[in-house]
Amino acid sequence: MGVLDALGVRGHDGTTRYECRNCGRELTADAEECTGCGSGEIAHYEF
C-alpha cells in the first residue's frame, strides 16, 4: 500500500474546473478572460 492510498487520497477523476482568480466565476476551458470582471487570470483545477 502506498502513502497516498494509506491517506485515502485518490487520483484524478476527470473533472476539470476553470474559474476567475479575481471574482470566482466559473469559466469555459477556452476562456481567455473572465466574462464577469474582465480579468485575464484564470485558475485551472483538476479533481
N, C-alpha and C. Protein backbone atom coordinates (compact mmCIF):
# COMPACT_ATOMS: atom_id res chain seq x y z
N MET A 1 0.85 -1.18 0.00
CA MET A 1 0.00 0.00 0.00
C MET A 1 0.89 1.24 0.00
N GLY A 2 0.60 2.16 -0.91
CA GLY A 2 1.37 3.39 -0.99
C GLY A 2 0.92 4.41 0.03
N VAL A 3 1.69 5.45 0.19
CA VAL A 3 1.38 6.51 1.16
C VAL A 3 0.05 7.18 0.83
N LEU A 4 -0.18 7.50 -0.45
CA LEU A 4 -1.43 8.16 -0.82
C LEU A 4 -2.63 7.26 -0.58
N ASP A 5 -2.48 5.96 -0.81
CA ASP A 5 -3.56 5.01 -0.52
C ASP A 5 -3.85 4.99 0.98
N ALA A 6 -2.81 4.99 1.79
CA ALA A 6 -2.97 4.97 3.24
C ALA A 6 -3.69 6.22 3.75
N LEU A 7 -3.46 7.34 3.08
CA LEU A 7 -4.09 8.60 3.48
C LEU A 7 -5.49 8.76 2.89
N GLY A 8 -5.86 7.86 2.00
CA GLY A 8 -7.18 7.94 1.38
C GLY A 8 -7.25 8.94 0.24
N VAL A 9 -6.11 9.31 -0.31
CA VAL A 9 -6.07 10.26 -1.42
C VAL A 9 -6.24 9.50 -2.73
N ARG A 10 -7.21 9.94 -3.51
CA ARG A 10 -7.46 9.30 -4.79
C ARG A 10 -6.84 10.13 -5.91
N GLY A 11 -6.71 9.51 -7.05
CA GLY A 11 -6.17 10.19 -8.22
C GLY A 11 -7.20 11.06 -8.91
N HIS A 12 -6.83 11.62 -10.01
CA HIS A 12 -7.65 12.49 -10.84
C HIS A 12 -8.86 11.72 -11.36
N ASP A 13 -10.07 12.23 -11.13
CA ASP A 13 -11.28 11.52 -11.59
C ASP A 13 -11.83 12.07 -12.90
N GLY A 14 -11.14 13.03 -13.50
CA GLY A 14 -11.55 13.54 -14.80
C GLY A 14 -12.32 14.85 -14.77
N THR A 15 -12.62 15.38 -13.59
CA THR A 15 -13.34 16.64 -13.51
C THR A 15 -12.35 17.79 -13.57
N THR A 16 -12.63 18.75 -14.43
CA THR A 16 -11.78 19.93 -14.57
C THR A 16 -12.63 21.17 -14.39
N ARG A 17 -12.13 22.15 -13.66
CA ARG A 17 -12.86 23.39 -13.43
C ARG A 17 -11.95 24.57 -13.75
N TYR A 18 -12.51 25.54 -14.44
CA TYR A 18 -11.82 26.78 -14.76
C TYR A 18 -12.60 27.90 -14.09
N GLU A 19 -11.88 28.77 -13.37
CA GLU A 19 -12.57 29.88 -12.72
C GLU A 19 -11.68 31.10 -12.64
N CYS A 20 -12.31 32.24 -12.54
CA CYS A 20 -11.60 33.52 -12.43
C CYS A 20 -10.96 33.61 -11.05
N ARG A 21 -9.69 33.96 -11.02
CA ARG A 21 -8.99 34.13 -9.73
C ARG A 21 -9.46 35.39 -9.01
N ASN A 22 -10.02 36.33 -9.73
CA ASN A 22 -10.44 37.60 -9.15
C ASN A 22 -11.83 37.50 -8.51
N CYS A 23 -12.82 37.01 -9.27
CA CYS A 23 -14.19 37.02 -8.76
C CYS A 23 -14.78 35.63 -8.53
N GLY A 24 -14.11 34.56 -8.99
CA GLY A 24 -14.57 33.20 -8.74
C GLY A 24 -15.59 32.67 -9.73
N ARG A 25 -15.91 33.44 -10.76
CA ARG A 25 -16.89 32.98 -11.76
C ARG A 25 -16.37 31.76 -12.49
N GLU A 26 -17.23 30.75 -12.69
CA GLU A 26 -16.84 29.56 -13.45
C GLU A 26 -16.78 29.92 -14.93
N LEU A 27 -15.72 29.45 -15.60
CA LEU A 27 -15.48 29.78 -17.00
C LEU A 27 -15.33 28.51 -17.83
N THR A 28 -15.35 28.68 -19.15
CA THR A 28 -15.13 27.55 -20.06
C THR A 28 -13.63 27.34 -20.24
N ALA A 29 -13.27 26.18 -20.75
CA ALA A 29 -11.86 25.83 -20.93
C ALA A 29 -11.15 26.76 -21.91
N ASP A 30 -11.87 27.32 -22.86
CA ASP A 30 -11.25 28.17 -23.88
C ASP A 30 -11.30 29.66 -23.56
N ALA A 31 -11.81 30.03 -22.38
CA ALA A 31 -11.91 31.44 -22.00
C ALA A 31 -10.52 32.05 -21.83
N GLU A 32 -10.37 33.26 -22.35
CA GLU A 32 -9.11 33.99 -22.20
C GLU A 32 -9.21 35.08 -21.15
N GLU A 33 -10.45 35.47 -20.84
CA GLU A 33 -10.68 36.43 -19.77
C GLU A 33 -12.05 36.18 -19.16
N CYS A 34 -12.23 36.69 -17.96
CA CYS A 34 -13.48 36.49 -17.24
C CYS A 34 -14.60 37.30 -17.88
N THR A 35 -15.75 36.66 -18.07
CA THR A 35 -16.91 37.35 -18.63
C THR A 35 -17.59 38.25 -17.61
N GLY A 36 -17.24 38.10 -16.35
CA GLY A 36 -17.84 38.91 -15.29
C GLY A 36 -17.06 40.17 -14.98
N CYS A 37 -15.75 40.02 -14.78
CA CYS A 37 -14.95 41.17 -14.34
C CYS A 37 -13.85 41.56 -15.33
N GLY A 38 -13.62 40.74 -16.36
CA GLY A 38 -12.62 41.08 -17.38
C GLY A 38 -11.20 40.67 -17.04
N SER A 39 -11.00 40.04 -15.90
CA SER A 39 -9.65 39.61 -15.51
C SER A 39 -9.15 38.51 -16.44
N GLY A 40 -7.85 38.53 -16.72
CA GLY A 40 -7.23 37.50 -17.53
C GLY A 40 -6.60 36.39 -16.71
N GLU A 41 -6.77 36.46 -15.39
CA GLU A 41 -6.18 35.45 -14.51
C GLU A 41 -7.19 34.34 -14.26
N ILE A 42 -6.96 33.20 -14.92
CA ILE A 42 -7.89 32.08 -14.86
C ILE A 42 -7.22 30.89 -14.18
N ALA A 43 -7.89 30.37 -13.16
CA ALA A 43 -7.38 29.20 -12.43
C ALA A 43 -7.89 27.94 -13.11
N HIS A 44 -7.08 26.88 -13.03
CA HIS A 44 -7.42 25.58 -13.65
C HIS A 44 -7.24 24.52 -12.58
N TYR A 45 -8.32 23.83 -12.23
CA TYR A 45 -8.28 22.79 -11.20
C TYR A 45 -8.68 21.45 -11.79
N GLU A 46 -7.98 20.40 -11.42
CA GLU A 46 -8.33 19.04 -11.83
C GLU A 46 -8.64 18.22 -10.59
N PHE A 47 -9.77 17.54 -10.62
CA PHE A 47 -10.21 16.72 -9.48
C PHE A 47 -10.21 15.27 -9.86
